[in-house]
PDB file of N, CA and C in Angstrom:
ATOM      1  N   UNK A   1      82.059  95.300  64.863  1.00  0.00           N
ATOM      2  CA  UNK A   1      80.991  95.090  65.959  1.00  0.00           C
ATOM      3  C   UNK A   1      81.526  95.425  67.452  1.00  0.00           C
ATOM      4  N   UNK A   2      80.978  96.291  68.131  1.00  0.00           N
ATOM      5  CA  UNK A   2      81.311  96.489  69.421  1.00  0.00           C
ATOM      6  C   UNK A   2      80.686  95.535  70.472  1.00  0.00           C
ATOM      7  N   UNK A   3      81.270  94.901  71.074  1.00  0.00           N
ATOM      8  CA  UNK A   3      80.840  93.800  71.935  1.00  0.00           C
ATOM      9  C   UNK A   3      81.064  94.282  73.438  1.00  0.00           C
ATOM     10  N   UNK A   4      80.136  94.332  74.452  1.00  0.00           N
ATOM     11  CA  UNK A   4      80.445  94.861  75.766  1.00  0.00           C
ATOM     12  C   UNK A   4      80.921  93.644  76.532  1.00  0.00           C
ATOM     13  N   UNK A   5      81.518  93.820  77.920  1.00  0.00           N
ATOM     14  CA  UNK A   5      81.690  92.855  78.794  1.00  0.00           C
ATOM     15  C   UNK A   5      80.432  92.237  79.158  1.00  0.00           C
ATOM     16  N   UNK A   6      80.783  90.906  79.659  1.00  0.00           N
ATOM     17  CA  UNK A   6      79.809  89.961  79.862  1.00  0.00           C
ATOM     18  C   UNK A   6      78.643  90.403  80.705  1.00  0.00           C
ATOM     19  N   UNK A   7      78.922  90.734  81.923  1.00  0.00           N
ATOM     20  CA  UNK A   7      77.859  91.286  83.056  1.00  0.00           C
ATOM     21  C   UNK A   7      78.567  91.962  84.126  1.00  0.00           C
ATOM     22  N   UNK A   8      78.224  93.282  84.145  1.00  0.00           N
ATOM     23  CA  UNK A   8      78.788  94.272  85.034  1.00  0.00           C
ATOM     24  C   UNK A   8      77.839  94.412  86.258  1.00  0.00           C
ATOM     25  N   UNK A   9      78.325  94.650  87.517  1.00  0.00           N
ATOM     26  CA  UNK A   9      77.497  94.996  88.471  1.00  0.00           C
ATOM     27  C   UNK A   9      77.198  96.459  88.340  1.00  0.00           C
ATOM     28  N   UNK A  10      76.241  96.899  89.088  1.00  0.00           N
ATOM     29  CA  UNK A  10      75.960  98.403  88.945  1.00  0.00           C
ATOM     30  C   UNK A  10      77.027  99.211  89.311  1.00  0.00           C
ATOM     31  N   UNK A  11      77.233 100.478  89.013  1.00  0.00           N
ATOM     32  CA  UNK A  11      78.202 101.193  89.196  1.00  0.00           C
ATOM     33  C   UNK A  11      78.484 101.437  90.812  1.00  0.00           C
ATOM     34  N   UNK A  12      77.302 101.580  91.461  1.00  0.00           N
ATOM     35  CA  UNK A  12      77.344 101.837  92.853  1.00  0.00           C
ATOM     36  C   UNK A  12      77.889 100.556  93.664  1.00  0.00           C
ATOM     37  N   UNK A  13      77.695  99.385  93.135  1.00  0.00           N
ATOM     38  CA  UNK A  13      78.075  98.245  93.682  1.00  0.00           C
ATOM     39  C   UNK A  13      79.579  98.115  93.379  1.00  0.00           C
ATOM     40  N   UNK A  14      80.096  98.263  92.275  1.00  0.00           N
ATOM     41  CA  UNK A  14      81.379  98.139  91.742  1.00  0.00           C
ATOM     42  C   UNK A  14      82.231  99.290  92.519  1.00  0.00           C
ATOM     43  N   UNK A  15      81.683 100.512  92.724  1.00  0.00           N
ATOM     44  CA  UNK A  15      82.450 101.628  93.420  1.00  0.00           C
ATOM     45  C   UNK A  15      82.602 101.046  94.832  1.00  0.00           C
ATOM     46  N   UNK A  16      81.514 100.604  95.489  1.00  0.00           N
ATOM     47  CA  UNK A  16      81.721  99.936  96.910  1.00  0.00           C
ATOM     48  C   UNK A  16      82.785  99.038  97.042  1.00  0.00           C
ATOM     49  N   UNK A  17      82.886  98.124  96.105  1.00  0.00           N
ATOM     50  CA  UNK A  17      83.773  97.095  96.200  1.00  0.00           C
ATOM     51  C   UNK A  17      85.121  97.534  96.206  1.00  0.00           C
ATOM     52  N   UNK A  18      85.511  98.554  95.202  1.00  0.00           N
ATOM     53  CA  UNK A  18      86.664  99.089  95.076  1.00  0.00           C
ATOM     54  C   UNK A  18      87.180  99.959  96.355  1.00  0.00           C
ATOM     55  N   UNK A  19      86.189 100.847  96.812  1.00  0.00           N
ATOM     56  CA  UNK A  19      86.411 101.572  98.131  1.00  0.00           C
ATOM     57  C   UNK A  19      86.673 100.876  99.379  1.00  0.00           C
ATOM     58  N   UNK A  20      86.171  99.583  99.365  1.00  0.00           N
ATOM     59  CA  UNK A  20      86.416  98.925 100.620  1.00  0.00           C
ATOM     60  C   UNK A  20      87.867  98.356 100.701  1.00  0.00           C
ATOM     61  N   UNK A  21      88.481  98.197  99.737  1.00  0.00           N
ATOM     62  CA  UNK A  21      90.024  97.988  99.707  1.00  0.00           C
ATOM     63  C   UNK A  21      90.903  98.872 100.313  1.00  0.00           C
ATOM     64  N   UNK A  22      90.324 100.194 100.106  1.00  0.00           N
ATOM     65  CA  UNK A  22      91.158 101.320 100.590  1.00  0.00           C
ATOM     66  C   UNK A  22      91.441 101.198 102.173  1.00  0.00           C
ATOM     67  N   UNK A  23      90.509 101.005 103.076  1.00  0.00           N
ATOM     68  CA  UNK A  23      90.832 101.092 104.483  1.00  0.00           C
ATOM     69  C   UNK A  23      91.597  99.787 104.902  1.00  0.00           C
ATOM     70  N   UNK A  24      91.479  98.932 104.011  1.00  0.00           N
ATOM     71  CA  UNK A  24      92.269  97.484 104.310  1.00  0.00           C
ATOM     72  C   UNK A  24      93.729  97.937 104.125  1.00  0.00           C
ATOM     73  N   UNK A  25      93.988  98.768 103.207  1.00  0.00           N
ATOM     74  CA  UNK A  25      95.232  98.960 102.783  1.00  0.00           C
ATOM     75  C   UNK A  25      95.812 100.292 103.249  1.00  0.00           C
ATOM     76  N   UNK A  26      95.132 100.993 104.001  1.00  0.00           N
ATOM     77  CA  UNK A  26      95.745 102.332 104.809  1.00  0.00           C
ATOM     78  C   UNK A  26      96.685 101.937 105.711  1.00  0.00           C
ATOM     79  N   UNK A  27      97.705 102.790 105.951  1.00  0.00           N
ATOM     80  CA  UNK A  27      97.839 104.131 105.136  1.00  0.00           C
ATOM     81  C   UNK A  27      98.681 103.935 103.913  1.00  0.00           C
ATOM     82  N   UNK A  28      98.998 102.914 103.419  1.00  0.00           N
ATOM     83  CA  UNK A  28      99.685 102.830 102.260  1.00  0.00           C
ATOM     84  C   UNK A  28      99.040 103.161 100.852  1.00  0.00           C
ATOM     85  N   UNK A  29      97.673 102.961 100.986  1.00  0.00           N
ATOM     86  CA  UNK A  29      96.873 103.307  99.782  1.00  0.00           C
ATOM     87  C   UNK A  29      95.973 104.453 100.174  1.00  0.00           C
ATOM     88  N   UNK A  30      96.175 105.538  99.448  1.00  0.00           N
ATOM     89  CA  UNK A  30      95.245 106.774  99.843  1.00  0.00           C
ATOM     90  C   UNK A  30      94.179 106.578  99.012  1.00  0.00           C
ATOM     91  N   UNK A  31      93.954 106.357  97.824  1.00  0.00           N
ATOM     92  CA  UNK A  31      92.757 106.061  97.135  1.00  0.00           C
ATOM     93  C   UNK A  31      93.038 105.305  95.899  1.00  0.00           C
ATOM     94  N   UNK A  32      91.851 104.771  95.255  1.00  0.00           N
ATOM     95  CA  UNK A  32      91.827 103.938  94.012  1.00  0.00           C
ATOM     96  C   UNK A  32      90.864 104.544  93.231  1.00  0.00           C
ATOM     97  N   UNK A  33      91.276 104.930  92.079  1.00  0.00           N
ATOM     98  CA  UNK A  33      90.232 105.118  90.913  1.00  0.00           C
ATOM     99  C   UNK A  33      90.173 104.182  89.908  1.00  0.00           C
ATOM    100  N   UNK A  34      89.000 104.124  89.063  1.00  0.00           N
ATOM    101  CA  UNK A  34      89.135 103.176  88.131  1.00  0.00           C
ATOM    102  C   UNK A  34      88.186 103.627  86.920  1.00  0.00           C
ATOM    103  N   UNK A  35      88.468 103.062  85.708  1.00  0.00           N
ATOM    104  CA  UNK A  35      87.467 103.163  84.723  1.00  0.00           C
ATOM    105  C   UNK A  35      87.539 101.885  83.896  1.00  0.00           C
ATOM    106  N   UNK A  36      86.388 101.677  83.038  1.00  0.00           N
ATOM    107  CA  UNK A  36      86.374 100.534  82.326  1.00  0.00           C
ATOM    108  C   UNK A  36      86.234 100.949  80.699  1.00  0.00           C
ATOM    109  N   UNK A  37      87.110 100.394  79.965  1.00  0.00           N
ATOM    110  CA  UNK A  37      87.357 100.997  78.603  1.00  0.00           C
ATOM    111  C   UNK A  37      88.020  99.689  77.952  1.00  0.00           C
ATOM    112  N   UNK A  38      88.136  99.922  76.507  1.00  0.00           N
ATOM    113  CA  UNK A  38      88.697  98.773  75.801  1.00  0.00           C
ATOM    114  C   UNK A  38      90.343  99.120  75.856  1.00  0.00           C
ATOM    115  N   UNK A  39      90.957  97.895  75.841  1.00  0.00           N
ATOM    116  CA  UNK A  39      92.482  97.945  75.870  1.00  0.00           C
ATOM    117  C   UNK A  39      92.884  98.278  74.417  1.00  0.00           C
ATOM    118  N   UNK A  40      94.158  97.922  74.197  1.00  0.00           N
ATOM    119  CA  UNK A  40      94.907  98.224  73.006  1.00  0.00           C
ATOM    120  C   UNK A  40      94.451  97.266  72.209  1.00  0.00           C
ATOM    121  N   UNK A  41      94.001  95.986  72.319  1.00  0.00           N
ATOM    122  CA  UNK A  41      93.504  95.021  71.490  1.00  0.00           C
ATOM    123  C   UNK A  41      92.254  95.047  71.241  1.00  0.00           C
ATOM    124  N   UNK A  42      91.536  95.682  71.766  1.00  0.00           N
ATOM    125  CA  UNK A  42      89.934  95.955  71.739  1.00  0.00           C
ATOM    126  C   UNK A  42      88.964  94.980  72.813  1.00  0.00           C
ATOM    127  N   UNK A  43      90.014  94.484  73.701  1.00  0.00           N
ATOM    128  CA  UNK A  43      89.209  93.739  74.822  1.00  0.00           C
ATOM    129  C   UNK A  43      88.864  94.635  75.888  1.00  0.00           C
ATOM    130  N   UNK A  44      87.733  94.374  76.553  1.00  0.00           N
ATOM    131  CA  UNK A  44      87.148  95.104  77.634  1.00  0.00           C
ATOM    132  C   UNK A  44      88.307  94.964  78.886  1.00  0.00           C
ATOM    133  N   UNK A  45      88.513  96.120  79.531  1.00  0.00           N
ATOM    134  CA  UNK A  45      89.373  96.000  80.769  1.00  0.00           C
ATOM    135  C   UNK A  45      88.965  96.969  81.781  1.00  0.00           C
ATOM    136  N   UNK A  46      89.423  96.799  82.955  1.00  0.00           N
ATOM    137  CA  UNK A  46      89.356  97.562  83.954  1.00  0.00           C
ATOM    138  C   UNK A  46      90.673  98.298  84.325  1.00  0.00           C
ATOM    139  N   UNK A  47      90.900  99.544  84.478  1.00  0.00           N
ATOM    140  CA  UNK A  47      92.061 100.166  84.729  1.00  0.00           C
ATOM    141  C   UNK A  47      92.056 100.926  86.068  1.00  0.00           C
ATOM    142  N   UNK A  48      92.824 100.400  86.793  1.00  0.00           N
ATOM    143  CA  UNK A  48      93.005 100.806  88.209  1.00  0.00           C
ATOM    144  C   UNK A  48      94.159 101.910  88.435  1.00  0.00           C
ATOM    145  N   UNK A  49      93.837 103.015  88.933  1.00  0.00           N
ATOM    146  CA  UNK A  49      94.967 104.005  89.068  1.00  0.00           C
ATOM    147  C   UNK A  49      94.969 103.980  90.735  1.00  0.00           C
ATOM    148  N   UNK A  50      95.983 103.485  91.339  1.00  0.00           N
ATOM    149  CA  UNK A  50      96.272 103.396  92.751  1.00  0.00           C
ATOM    150  C   UNK A  50      97.037 104.417  93.308  1.00  0.00           C
ATOM    151  N   UNK A  51      96.654 105.310  94.096  1.00  0.00           N
ATOM    152  CA  UNK A  51      97.525 106.518  94.618  1.00  0.00           C
ATOM    153  C   UNK A  51      98.270 105.917  96.001  1.00  0.00           C
ATOM    154  N   UNK A  52      99.440 105.840  96.263  1.00  0.00           N
ATOM    155  CA  UNK A  52     100.095 105.289  97.281  1.00  0.00           C
ATOM    156  C   UNK A  52     100.680 106.423  98.040  1.00  0.00           C
ATOM    157  N   UNK A  53     100.839 106.230  99.371  1.00  0.00           N
ATOM    158  CA  UNK A  53     101.616 107.152 100.084  1.00  0.00           C
ATOM    159  C   UNK A  53     103.038 107.211  99.877  1.00  0.00           C
ATOM    160  N   UNK A  54     103.665 107.982 100.097  1.00  0.00           N
ATOM    161  CA  UNK A  54     105.289 108.077  99.640  1.00  0.00           C
ATOM    162  C   UNK A  54     105.894 107.005 100.475  1.00  0.00           C
ATOM    163  N   UNK A  55     105.353 106.786 101.775  1.00  0.00           N
ATOM    164  CA  UNK A  55     106.130 105.638 102.567  1.00  0.00           C
ATOM    165  C   UNK A  55     105.869 104.264 101.993  1.00  0.00           C
ATOM    166  N   UNK A  56     104.807 104.111 101.212  1.00  0.00           N
ATOM    167  CA  UNK A  56     104.649 102.704 100.662  1.00  0.00           C
ATOM    168  C   UNK A  56     105.733 102.315  99.798  1.00  0.00           C
ATOM    169  N   UNK A  57     106.520 103.239  99.192  1.00  0.00           N
ATOM    170  CA  UNK A  57     107.604 102.903  98.313  1.00  0.00           C
ATOM    171  C   UNK A  57     108.649 101.903  98.965  1.00  0.00           C
ATOM    172  N   UNK A  58     108.806 101.923 100.184  1.00  0.00           N
ATOM    173  CA  UNK A  58     109.633 100.906 100.905  1.00  0.00           C
ATOM    174  C   UNK A  58     109.345  99.669 100.889  1.00  0.00           C
ATOM    175  N   UNK A  59     108.011  99.425 100.648  1.00  0.00           N
ATOM    176  CA  UNK A  59     107.541  98.007 100.415  1.00  0.00           C
ATOM    177  C   UNK A  59     106.662  97.907  99.305  1.00  0.00           C
ATOM    178  N   UNK A  60     107.091  98.429  98.240  1.00  0.00           N
ATOM    179  CA  UNK A  60     106.152  98.350  97.096  1.00  0.00           C
ATOM    180  C   UNK A  60     105.639  97.095  96.462  1.00  0.00           C
ATOM    181  N   UNK A  61     106.524  96.197  96.418  1.00  0.00           N
ATOM    182  CA  UNK A  61     106.231  94.821  96.042  1.00  0.00           C
ATOM    183  C   UNK A  61     105.038  94.198  96.821  1.00  0.00           C
ATOM    184  N   UNK A  62     105.120  94.274  98.075  1.00  0.00           N
ATOM    185  CA  UNK A  62     104.152  93.692  99.185  1.00  0.00           C
ATOM    186  C   UNK A  62     102.935  94.444  98.845  1.00  0.00           C
ATOM    187  N   UNK A  63     102.902  95.928  98.719  1.00  0.00           N
ATOM    188  CA  UNK A  63     101.695  96.662  98.726  1.00  0.00           C
ATOM    189  C   UNK A  63     100.983  96.565  97.483  1.00  0.00           C
ATOM    190  N   UNK A  64     101.523  96.335  96.171  1.00  0.00           N
ATOM    191  CA  UNK A  64     101.101  96.157  95.014  1.00  0.00           C
ATOM    192  C   UNK A  64     100.458  94.686  94.726  1.00  0.00           C
ATOM    193  N   UNK A  65     101.291  93.846  95.444  1.00  0.00           N
ATOM    194  CA  UNK A  65     100.558  92.589  95.243  1.00  0.00           C
ATOM    195  C   UNK A  65      99.393  92.369  96.035  1.00  0.00           C
ATOM    196  N   UNK A  66      99.334  92.894  97.131  1.00  0.00           N
ATOM    197  CA  UNK A  66      97.884  92.853  98.040  1.00  0.00           C
ATOM    198  C   UNK A  66      96.924  93.513  97.559  1.00  0.00           C
ATOM    199  N   UNK A  67      97.323  94.851  96.934  1.00  0.00           N
ATOM    200  CA  UNK A  67      96.220  95.450  96.140  1.00  0.00           C
ATOM    201  C   UNK A  67      95.556  94.767  95.193  1.00  0.00           C
ATOM    202  N   UNK A  68      96.439  94.294  94.227  1.00  0.00           N
ATOM    203  CA  UNK A  68      95.723  93.472  93.132  1.00  0.00           C
ATOM    204  C   UNK A  68      95.212  92.185  93.602  1.00  0.00           C
ATOM    205  N   UNK A  69      95.495  91.525  94.615  1.00  0.00           N
ATOM    206  CA  UNK A  69      94.926  90.319  95.166  1.00  0.00           C
ATOM    207  C   UNK A  69      93.496  90.777  95.617  1.00  0.00           C
ATOM    208  N   UNK A  70      93.474  91.605  96.322  1.00  0.00           N
ATOM    209  CA  UNK A  70      92.360  92.005  97.017  1.00  0.00           C
ATOM    210  C   UNK A  70      91.143  92.593  96.054  1.00  0.00           C
ATOM    211  N   UNK A  71      91.548  93.321  94.879  1.00  0.00           N
ATOM    212  CA  UNK A  71      90.640  93.791  93.929  1.00  0.00           C
ATOM    213  C   UNK A  71      90.273  92.677  93.201  1.00  0.00           C
ATOM    214  N   UNK A  72      91.163  91.859  92.644  1.00  0.00           N
ATOM    215  CA  UNK A  72      90.810  90.728  92.012  1.00  0.00           C
ATOM    216  C   UNK A  72      89.778  89.619  92.538  1.00  0.00           C
ATOM    217  N   UNK A  73      89.941  89.364  93.984  1.00  0.00           N
ATOM    218  CA  UNK A  73      88.982  88.741  94.851  1.00  0.00           C
ATOM    219  C   UNK A  73      87.652  89.296  94.996  1.00  0.00           C
ATOM    220  N   UNK A  74      87.602  90.605  95.125  1.00  0.00           N
ATOM    221  CA  UNK A  74      86.438  91.202  95.474  1.00  0.00           C
ATOM    222  C   UNK A  74      85.609  91.408  94.151  1.00  0.00           C
ATOM    223  N   UNK A  75      86.357  91.632  93.114  1.00  0.00           N
ATOM    224  CA  UNK A  75      85.553  92.149  91.751  1.00  0.00           C
ATOM    225  C   UNK A  75      85.487  90.946  90.822  1.00  0.00           C
ATOM    226  N   UNK A  76      86.515  90.086  90.855  1.00  0.00           N
ATOM    227  CA  UNK A  76      86.673  88.946  89.821  1.00  0.00           C
ATOM    228  C   UNK A  76      86.405  89.469  88.501  1.00  0.00           C
ATOM    229  N   UNK A  77      87.195  90.320  88.122  1.00  0.00           N
ATOM    230  CA  UNK A  77      87.046  90.851  86.598  1.00  0.00           C
ATOM    231  C   UNK A  77      86.836  90.034  85.407  1.00  0.00           C
ATOM    232  N   UNK A  78      87.782  89.065  85.703  1.00  0.00           N
ATOM    233  CA  UNK A  78      87.564  87.944  84.404  1.00  0.00           C
ATOM    234  C   UNK A  78      86.303  87.300  84.306  1.00  0.00           C
ATOM    235  N   UNK A  79      85.597  87.167  85.397  1.00  0.00           N
ATOM    236  CA  UNK A  79      84.269  86.581  85.223  1.00  0.00           C
ATOM    237  C   UNK A  79      83.237  87.424  84.683  1.00  0.00           C
ATOM    238  N   UNK A  80      83.775  88.808  84.665  1.00  0.00           N
ATOM    239  CA  UNK A  80      82.767  89.791  84.034  1.00  0.00           C
ATOM    240  C   UNK A  80      83.312  90.141  82.444  1.00  0.00           C
ATOM    241  N   UNK A  81      84.354  89.382  82.036  1.00  0.00           N
ATOM    242  CA  UNK A  81      84.839  89.567  80.714  1.00  0.00           C
ATOM    243  C   UNK A  81      85.731  90.761  80.721  1.00  0.00           C
ATOM    244  N   UNK A  82      86.546  91.122  81.717  1.00  0.00           N
ATOM    245  CA  UNK A  82      87.341  92.254  81.892  1.00  0.00           C
ATOM    246  C   UNK A  82      88.771  91.814  82.253  1.00  0.00           C
ATOM    247  N   UNK A  83      89.756  92.503  81.646  1.00  0.00           N
ATOM    248  CA  UNK A  83      91.306  92.208  81.973  1.00  0.00           C
ATOM    249  C   UNK A  83      91.439  93.376  82.887  1.00  0.00           C
ATOM    250  N   UNK A  84      92.448  93.089  83.902  1.00  0.00           N
ATOM    251  CA  UNK A  84      92.834  94.097  84.921  1.00  0.00           C
ATOM    252  C   UNK A  84      93.942  94.707  84.552  1.00  0.00           C
ATOM    253  N   UNK A  85      94.053  96.079  84.483  1.00  0.00           N
ATOM    254  CA  UNK A  85      95.291  96.758  84.405  1.00  0.00           C
ATOM    255  C   UNK A  85      95.530  97.692  85.677  1.00  0.00           C
ATOM    256  N   UNK A  86      96.836  97.703  86.331  1.00  0.00           N
ATOM    257  CA  UNK A  86      96.993  98.447  87.427  1.00  0.00           C
ATOM    258  C   UNK A  86      98.139  99.525  87.344  1.00  0.00           C
ATOM    259  N   UNK A  87      97.950 100.664  87.520  1.00  0.00           N
ATOM    260  CA  UNK A  87      98.873 101.677  87.574  1.00  0.00           C
ATOM    261  C   UNK A  87      99.098 102.467  89.101  1.00  0.00           C
ATOM    262  N   UNK A  88     100.407 102.629  89.319  1.00  0.00           N
ATOM    263  CA  UNK A  88     100.505 103.068  90.572  1.00  0.00           C
ATOM    264  C   UNK A  88     101.282 104.451  90.726  1.00  0.00           C
ATOM    265  N   UNK A  89     101.041 105.319  91.605  1.00  0.00           N
ATOM    266  CA  UNK A  89     101.709 106.561  91.608  1.00  0.00           C
ATOM    267  C   UNK A  89     101.691 107.021  93.183  1.00  0.00           C
ATOM    268  N   UNK A  90     102.649 107.563  93.529  1.00  0.00           N
ATOM    269  CA  UNK A  90     102.691 108.074  94.741  1.00  0.00           C
ATOM    270  C   UNK A  90     102.117 109.503  94.948  1.00  0.00           C
ATOM    271  N   UNK A  91     101.841 109.846  96.192  1.00  0.00           N
ATOM    272  CA  UNK A  91     101.335 111.458  96.403  1.00  0.00           C
ATOM    273  C   UNK A  91     102.177 112.399  95.933  1.00  0.00           C
ATOM    274  N   UNK A  92     103.652 112.108  96.073  1.00  0.00           N
ATOM    275  CA  UNK A  92     104.538 113.147  95.670  1.00  0.00           C
ATOM    276  C   UNK A  92     104.513 113.252  94.228  1.00  0.00           C
ATOM    277  N   UNK A  93     104.499 112.171  93.537  1.00  0.00           N
ATOM    278  CA  UNK A  93     104.521 111.998  91.993  1.00  0.00           C
ATOM    279  C   UNK A  93     103.246 112.937  91.474  1.00  0.00           C
ATOM    280  N   UNK A  94     102.065 112.582  92.235  1.00  0.00           N
ATOM    281  CA  UNK A  94     100.795 113.039  91.592  1.00  0.00           C
ATOM    282  C   UNK A  94     100.848 114.649  91.923  1.00  0.00           C
ATOM    283  N   UNK A  95     101.520 115.113  93.117  1.00  0.00           N
ATOM    284  CA  UNK A  95     101.649 116.538  93.377  1.00  0.00           C
ATOM    285  C   UNK A  95     102.415 117.097  92.329  1.00  0.00           C
ATOM    286  N   UNK A  96     103.307 116.551  91.562  1.00  0.00           N
ATOM    287  CA  UNK A  96     104.181 117.141  90.470  1.00  0.00           C
ATOM    288  C   UNK A  96     103.394 117.020  89.226  1.00  0.00           C
ATOM    289  N   UNK A  97     102.735 115.966  88.917  1.00  0.00           N
ATOM    290  CA  UNK A  97     102.136 115.740  87.614  1.00  0.00           C
ATOM    291  C   UNK A  97     100.762 116.257  87.445  1.00  0.00           C
ATOM    292  N   UNK A  98     100.027 116.444  88.646  1.00  0.00           N
ATOM    293  CA  UNK A  98      98.756 116.944  88.617  1.00  0.00           C
ATOM    294  C   UNK A  98      97.741 116.478  87.621  1.00  0.00           C
ATOM    295  N   UNK A  99      97.797 115.107  87.378  1.00  0.00           N
ATOM    296  CA  UNK A  99      96.818 114.609  86.389  1.00  0.00           C
ATOM    297  C   UNK A  99      95.480 114.385  86.941  1.00  0.00           C
ATOM    298  N   UNK A 100      94.354 115.081  86.292  1.00  0.00           N
ATOM    299  CA  UNK A 100      93.029 115.098  86.936  1.00  0.00           C
ATOM    300  C   UNK A 100      92.576 113.661  87.283  1.00  0.00           C
ATOM    301  N   UNK A 101      92.572 112.756  86.290  1.00  0.00           N
ATOM    302  CA  UNK A 101      92.141 111.430  86.532  1.00  0.00           C
ATOM    303  C   UNK A 101      92.729 110.662  87.679  1.00  0.00           C
ATOM    304  N   UNK A 102      93.674 111.380  88.343  1.00  0.00           N
ATOM    305  CA  UNK A 102      94.219 110.350  89.418  1.00  0.00           C
ATOM    306  C   UNK A 102      93.649 111.092  90.697  1.00  0.00           C
ATOM    307  N   UNK A 103      92.947 112.134  90.758  1.00  0.00           N
ATOM    308  CA  UNK A 103      92.341 112.922  91.849  1.00  0.00           C
ATOM    309  C   UNK A 103      91.087 112.268  92.295  1.00  0.00           C
TER     310      UNK A 103
END
């Protein structure tokens, strides 16, 4: 039996909350993409794909910690029954890989 997350805000509200983080993190964060799906264990999760400027690599730990903190505070995924997963890639990496889901 497939069970859905507890309660999700509308897609517009969710997208708005995610997009508000980008200007706060500029120029280190170029954009953030996300999707909701089940994880490897069947639990519902939100997967964030964070595209970073190449310069952000010099302070990677600081940038990733702040991004995760801001998104967790803004969205509170656990209260919606979602686990959070974060993936990071630089602009240069994306230029080489050209993975559509990161655009």
